[in-house]
Protein backbone atom coordinates (compact mmCIF):
# COMPACT_ATOMS: atom_id res chain seq x y z
CA MET A 1 -18.55 -11.29 13.63
CA ASP A 2 -18.55 -15.10 13.57
CA SER A 3 -15.97 -16.85 15.73
CA PHE A 4 -14.64 -20.33 16.46
CA THR A 5 -13.61 -21.68 19.82
CA ILE A 6 -10.07 -22.94 19.29
CA ALA A 7 -8.25 -25.14 21.78
CA ASN A 8 -5.03 -27.04 22.29
CA THR A 9 -6.04 -30.66 22.85
CA SER A 10 -4.11 -32.80 25.33
CA THR A 11 -2.45 -35.78 23.66
CA SER A 12 -2.75 -37.83 26.87
CA THR A 13 -6.37 -37.16 27.85
CA GLY A 14 -7.97 -35.65 24.75
CA GLU A 15 -9.14 -32.72 26.88
CA ARG A 16 -9.51 -29.35 25.13
CA LEU A 17 -7.23 -26.91 26.94
CA HIS A 18 -6.59 -23.16 26.66
CA GLN A 19 -9.87 -22.54 24.86
CA VAL A 20 -10.23 -19.10 23.28
CA ASP A 21 -12.71 -17.52 20.88
CA MET A 22 -11.12 -16.57 17.55
CA PRO A 23 -12.81 -14.43 14.90
CA ARG A 24 -13.35 -16.35 11.65
CA PHE A 25 -12.41 -13.43 9.41
CA GLY A 26 -9.48 -11.06 9.54
CA LEU A 27 -6.75 -9.06 7.84
CA GLY A 28 -3.47 -10.55 6.65
CA VAL A 29 -0.55 -8.11 6.51
CA TYR A 30 1.97 -10.05 4.42
CA LEU A 31 4.07 -7.87 2.08
CA MET A 32 3.12 -4.64 3.84
CA GLY A 33 6.67 -3.35 4.09
CA GLU A 34 6.46 0.32 3.17
CA PRO A 35 6.75 2.60 6.22
CA GLY A 36 3.29 3.27 7.63
CA GLU A 37 1.53 0.95 5.16
CA CYS A 38 0.76 -1.79 7.66
CA LYS A 39 -0.21 0.58 10.45
CA SER A 40 -2.68 2.52 8.31
CA SER A 41 -4.15 -0.70 6.90
CA VAL A 42 -4.68 -2.22 10.34
CA LEU A 43 -6.20 1.00 11.68
CA TYR A 44 -8.62 1.18 8.76
CA ALA A 45 -9.54 -2.50 9.09
CA LEU A 46 -10.22 -2.12 12.80
CA GLU A 47 -12.42 0.91 12.09
CA GLN A 48 -14.41 -1.20 9.62
CA GLY A 49 -15.01 -3.94 12.17
CA TYR A 50 -12.14 -6.38 11.66
CA ARG A 51 -10.99 -7.92 14.94
CA LEU A 52 -8.41 -10.48 13.74
CA ILE A 53 -4.96 -9.37 12.56
CA ASP A 54 -2.47 -11.92 11.20
CA THR A 55 1.22 -10.98 11.07
CA ALA A 56 4.58 -12.74 11.42
CA MET A 57 8.12 -11.89 12.40
CA ALA A 58 9.11 -12.67 8.82
CA TYR A 59 6.86 -9.86 7.56
CA GLY A 60 8.86 -7.18 9.39
CA ASN A 61 5.76 -5.27 10.49
CA GLU A 62 4.90 -6.57 13.96
CA ASP A 63 5.76 -3.12 15.35
CA GLU A 64 3.23 -1.36 13.12
CA VAL A 65 0.53 -3.88 14.01
CA GLY A 66 1.11 -3.11 17.68
CA GLN A 67 1.09 0.64 17.07
CA ALA A 68 -2.22 0.42 15.24
CA ILE A 69 -3.80 -1.65 18.00
CA ARG A 70 -2.75 0.85 20.65
CA GLU A 71 -3.88 3.86 18.61
CA SER A 72 -7.23 2.32 17.64
CA GLY A 73 -8.74 2.89 21.06
CA ILE A 74 -10.29 -0.57 20.91
CA PRO A 75 -9.77 -2.63 24.09
CA ARG A 76 -6.89 -5.06 23.66
CA ASP A 77 -9.03 -8.05 24.61
CA ASN A 78 -11.37 -7.29 21.70
CA ILE A 79 -8.61 -7.79 19.12
CA PHE A 80 -7.16 -11.19 18.23
CA VAL A 81 -3.47 -11.02 17.29
CA VAL A 82 -1.66 -13.82 15.45
CA THR A 83 2.08 -13.91 14.79
CA LYS A 84 4.56 -16.60 13.82
CA LEU A 85 7.94 -18.12 14.57
CA ARG A 86 10.08 -17.87 11.42
CA GLN A 87 11.19 -21.16 9.90
CA PRO A 88 14.90 -20.10 10.04
CA HIS A 89 14.43 -19.36 13.77
CA ALA A 90 12.79 -22.73 14.53
CA ASN A 91 15.95 -24.45 15.72
CA SER A 92 15.60 -25.24 19.43
CA HIS A 93 13.46 -24.97 22.54
CA GLU A 94 15.52 -22.01 23.77
CA GLU A 95 15.39 -20.04 20.52
CA THR A 96 11.63 -20.58 20.23
CA VAL A 97 11.12 -19.05 23.67
CA GLN A 98 13.50 -16.20 22.85
CA ARG A 99 11.79 -15.40 19.54
CA CYS A 100 8.36 -15.37 21.16
CA GLN A 101 9.59 -12.76 23.61
CA GLN A 102 11.09 -10.80 20.72
CA SER A 103 7.77 -10.80 18.86
CA LEU A 104 6.01 -9.51 21.98
CA GLU A 105 8.59 -6.73 22.24
CA ASN A 106 8.10 -5.88 18.56
CA LEU A 107 4.33 -5.80 18.99
CA GLY A 108 4.56 -3.88 22.26
CA LEU A 109 1.95 -6.21 23.75
CA ASP A 110 1.81 -8.24 26.95
CA TYR A 111 0.53 -11.32 25.14
CA MET A 112 -0.46 -12.58 21.70
CA ASP A 113 -3.62 -14.57 21.08
CA LEU A 114 -2.15 -17.23 18.78
CA TYR A 115 1.50 -18.09 18.13
CA LEU A 116 2.24 -20.30 15.13
CA VAL A 117 5.28 -22.22 13.92
CA HIS A 118 5.45 -20.63 10.46
CA ALA A 119 6.49 -23.89 8.76
CA PRO A 120 7.88 -27.28 9.82
CA PRO A 121 11.49 -26.78 10.99
CA LYS A 122 13.93 -27.82 8.26
CA ASP A 123 15.83 -29.94 10.80
CA ILE A 124 13.47 -32.80 11.56
CA GLY A 125 15.27 -33.35 14.85
CA ALA A 126 14.38 -29.80 15.92
CA ARG A 127 10.64 -30.24 15.53
CA ALA A 128 10.02 -31.77 18.96
CA PRO A 129 12.10 -29.25 20.97
CA VAL A 130 10.67 -26.34 18.99
CA TRP A 131 7.12 -27.44 19.78
CA GLN A 132 8.05 -27.95 23.42
CA GLY A 133 9.28 -24.35 23.38
CA MET A 134 5.90 -23.32 21.99
CA GLU A 135 4.24 -25.19 24.85
CA GLU A 136 6.40 -23.25 27.32
CA CYS A 137 5.29 -19.96 25.74
CA LEU A 138 1.70 -21.10 26.23
CA SER A 139 2.32 -22.12 29.85
CA ASN A 140 3.99 -18.76 30.54
CA GLY A 141 0.90 -16.88 29.34
CA TRP A 142 2.78 -15.12 26.55
CA THR A 143 0.23 -16.51 24.10
CA ARG A 144 -3.33 -17.70 24.67
CA SER A 145 -3.00 -20.55 22.16
CA ILE A 146 -0.40 -22.18 19.92
CA GLY A 147 -0.58 -23.70 16.48
CA VAL A 148 1.24 -24.40 13.25
CA SER A 149 1.31 -23.18 9.68
CA ASN A 150 2.10 -25.02 6.46
CA TYR A 151 2.04 -28.43 8.18
CA GLY A 152 1.06 -31.44 6.07
CA ALA A 153 -0.90 -34.41 7.38
CA HIS A 154 2.34 -36.36 7.98
CA HIS A 155 3.74 -33.49 10.04
CA LEU A 156 0.60 -33.46 12.19
CA ASP A 157 0.73 -37.24 12.63
CA ALA A 158 4.35 -37.02 13.80
CA MET A 159 3.39 -34.44 16.43
CA LEU A 160 1.34 -37.05 18.26
CA SER A 161 4.61 -38.68 19.33
CA TYR A 162 6.19 -35.59 20.91
CA ALA A 163 3.50 -33.01 21.72
CA SER A 164 1.82 -32.61 25.09
CA VAL A 165 -0.88 -30.56 23.40
CA MET A 166 -1.78 -30.51 19.73
CA PRO A 167 -2.02 -27.32 17.68
CA SER A 168 -5.22 -25.32 17.89
CA VAL A 169 -4.85 -24.08 14.29
CA ASN A 170 -3.14 -25.14 11.07
CA GLN A 171 -2.76 -22.15 8.75
CA ILE A 172 -2.39 -23.30 5.14
CA GLU A 173 -2.97 -21.96 1.66
CA ILE A 174 -6.57 -22.67 0.66
CA ASN A 175 -8.60 -21.17 -2.14
CA PRO A 176 -11.03 -22.40 -4.81
CA TRP A 177 -8.10 -23.57 -6.95
CA LEU A 178 -6.38 -25.36 -4.03
CA GLN A 179 -9.17 -26.89 -1.96
CA ARG A 180 -7.17 -29.50 0.02
CA PRO A 181 -10.04 -31.52 1.50
CA ALA A 182 -7.70 -34.25 2.83
CA LEU A 183 -5.41 -31.81 4.64
CA ARG A 184 -8.36 -29.90 6.00
CA ALA A 185 -9.77 -33.16 7.37
CA ALA A 186 -6.39 -34.19 8.84
CA SER A 187 -6.12 -30.84 10.61
CA GLU A 188 -9.59 -31.09 12.08
CA GLY A 189 -8.80 -34.69 13.02
CA VAL A 190 -6.11 -33.59 15.47
CA GLY A 191 -8.28 -30.79 16.85
CA ALA A 192 -6.83 -27.94 14.76
CA LYS A 193 -9.08 -25.40 13.08
CA VAL A 194 -8.07 -24.61 9.52
CA MET A 195 -6.96 -21.06 8.73
CA ALA A 196 -6.84 -20.10 5.05
CA TYR A 197 -4.15 -17.78 3.78
CA SER A 198 -3.95 -16.59 0.15
CA PRO A 199 -7.70 -17.12 -0.33
CA LEU A 200 -7.30 -15.23 -3.62
CA ALA A 201 -4.29 -17.31 -4.79
CA ARG A 202 -2.32 -14.04 -4.68
CA GLY A 203 -4.62 -12.69 -7.37
CA HIS A 204 -3.28 -15.13 -9.96
CA LYS A 205 -6.66 -16.58 -10.88
CA LEU A 206 -9.16 -13.75 -10.46
CA ASP A 207 -9.37 -13.10 -14.22
CA ASP A 208 -10.16 -16.74 -15.04
CA SER A 209 -13.50 -17.38 -16.69
CA GLY A 210 -14.62 -19.90 -14.04
CA ILE A 211 -14.57 -17.55 -11.06
CA SER A 212 -15.69 -14.61 -13.21
CA GLY A 213 -18.77 -16.55 -14.28
CA ILE A 214 -19.62 -17.52 -10.71
CA ALA A 215 -19.20 -13.93 -9.53
CA ALA A 216 -21.37 -12.57 -12.34
CA SER A 217 -24.16 -14.99 -11.41
CA LEU A 218 -23.97 -13.88 -7.78
CA GLY A 219 -23.64 -10.15 -8.38
CA CYS A 220 -20.32 -9.87 -6.57
CA THR A 221 -16.66 -9.55 -7.49
CA PRO A 222 -14.49 -12.60 -8.23
CA ALA A 223 -12.47 -11.81 -5.10
CA GLN A 224 -15.60 -11.78 -2.95
CA ALA A 225 -16.72 -15.12 -4.37
CA ALA A 226 -13.33 -16.74 -3.66
CA ILE A 227 -13.12 -15.34 -0.13
CA LYS A 228 -16.65 -16.45 0.73
CA TRP A 229 -15.91 -19.94 -0.62
CA CYS A 230 -13.03 -20.28 1.87
CA PHE A 231 -15.21 -18.98 4.69
CA ASP A 232 -18.09 -21.32 3.81
CA ALA A 233 -15.62 -24.23 3.63
CA GLY A 234 -15.18 -23.73 7.37
CA ALA A 235 -11.83 -21.96 7.35
CA ILE A 236 -10.75 -18.93 9.31
CA THR A 237 -10.09 -16.59 6.39
CA ILE A 238 -7.51 -13.77 6.20
CA PRO A 239 -7.38 -11.94 2.86
CA LYS A 240 -4.54 -9.43 2.58
CA SER A 241 -4.95 -5.92 1.24
CA SER A 242 -3.53 -2.52 2.09
CA LYS A 243 -6.11 -0.67 -0.02
CA PRO A 244 -9.08 0.69 1.98
CA THR A 245 -11.56 -0.07 -0.82
CA ARG A 246 -10.39 -3.68 -0.97
CA ILE A 247 -10.39 -4.06 2.81
CA SER A 248 -14.05 -2.99 2.82
CA GLU A 249 -14.88 -5.11 -0.24
CA ASN A 250 -13.32 -8.17 1.38
CA LEU A 251 -15.38 -7.72 4.52
CA ALA A 252 -18.53 -7.37 2.43
CA SER A 253 -17.84 -10.79 0.93
CA LEU A 254 -19.31 -12.31 4.10
CA GLU A 255 -22.74 -11.17 2.88
CA VAL A 256 -22.49 -13.13 -0.38
CA ASP A 257 -24.71 -16.21 -0.64
CA LEU A 258 -23.01 -19.00 -2.60
CA SER A 259 -26.04 -21.31 -2.63
CA GLY A 260 -26.31 -23.27 -5.85
CA THR A 261 -22.69 -22.75 -6.95
CA GLU A 262 -21.22 -25.86 -5.34
CA GLU A 263 -20.57 -27.70 -8.59
CA GLU A 264 -19.04 -24.66 -10.25
CA PHE A 265 -16.61 -24.19 -7.34
CA ALA A 266 -15.74 -27.89 -7.29
CA ALA A 267 -14.77 -27.60 -10.97
CA LEU A 268 -12.20 -24.88 -10.15
CA GLU A 269 -9.97 -27.28 -8.17
CA GLU A 270 -6.59 -27.73 -9.87
CA SER A 271 -4.14 -28.14 -6.94
CA TYR A 272 -2.70 -24.72 -7.76
CA VAL A 273 -0.14 -23.53 -5.19
CA SER A 274 0.38 -19.78 -5.55
CA GLY A 275 3.15 -19.45 -2.97
CA TRP A 276 5.47 -21.78 -1.09
CA ASP A 277 4.35 -25.23 -0.01
CA PRO A 278 6.17 -26.63 3.05
CA THR A 279 3.24 -29.05 3.55
CA SER A 280 4.96 -31.33 1.02
CA GLU A 281 8.39 -31.26 2.70
CA PRO A 282 9.66 -34.39 4.51
């Protein structure tokens, strides 16, 4: 499966540090809260060839992700695990370090591959110490890389004043109806790869005539067309599903060829936010 080399770039030298290979396609496990739902979904996805799993402490299923990884029989270093520091927990250097350790305990793993600040801390004054706590987690080897989620361009710019290393990833909502070219460029500009969550806009738009027409012309489902658009836009893409048929269908989207549909996809843009949008917070 395709991968990116992600790295935390030094703000003083510009050197790319802590470089790791990250699969470009994976499974998101948001809203998998029923007992056993997340574990069975992750196990199935791993059997199908997925090697990137994206969870968060806020999802309440880190433990099932870890159980599935251990039961899969796949070597740990072949699976890329992402989890996140909850926004309500992003209050201080000390709490950041503590919550990272808690996530590792929940996962039952010795390390995670990418640890993200789930959203900019509400307290602007906490943003520097929280990121410095993330840097300590990186230095301690608890995570192989660190990044952010739901950060706007102004949040990334502000980090240049207090970060020793910049984020390796910015995970944001991206889909054909929310294309965000400026934010994608700002993320890449500070050395952060873009990771697209809600590539299907939480399913809100899949019945629209625009995406249905594109999918019909390509011989795929609307969901596959939307997922492949995110992937072809250069984003690490993590569609969520707990249904085995959908997990397989989503993976098959990588085989779809979108050539010749550029104008049709461009016409879908409507700045539609399907979930929360901390990128616009102060």
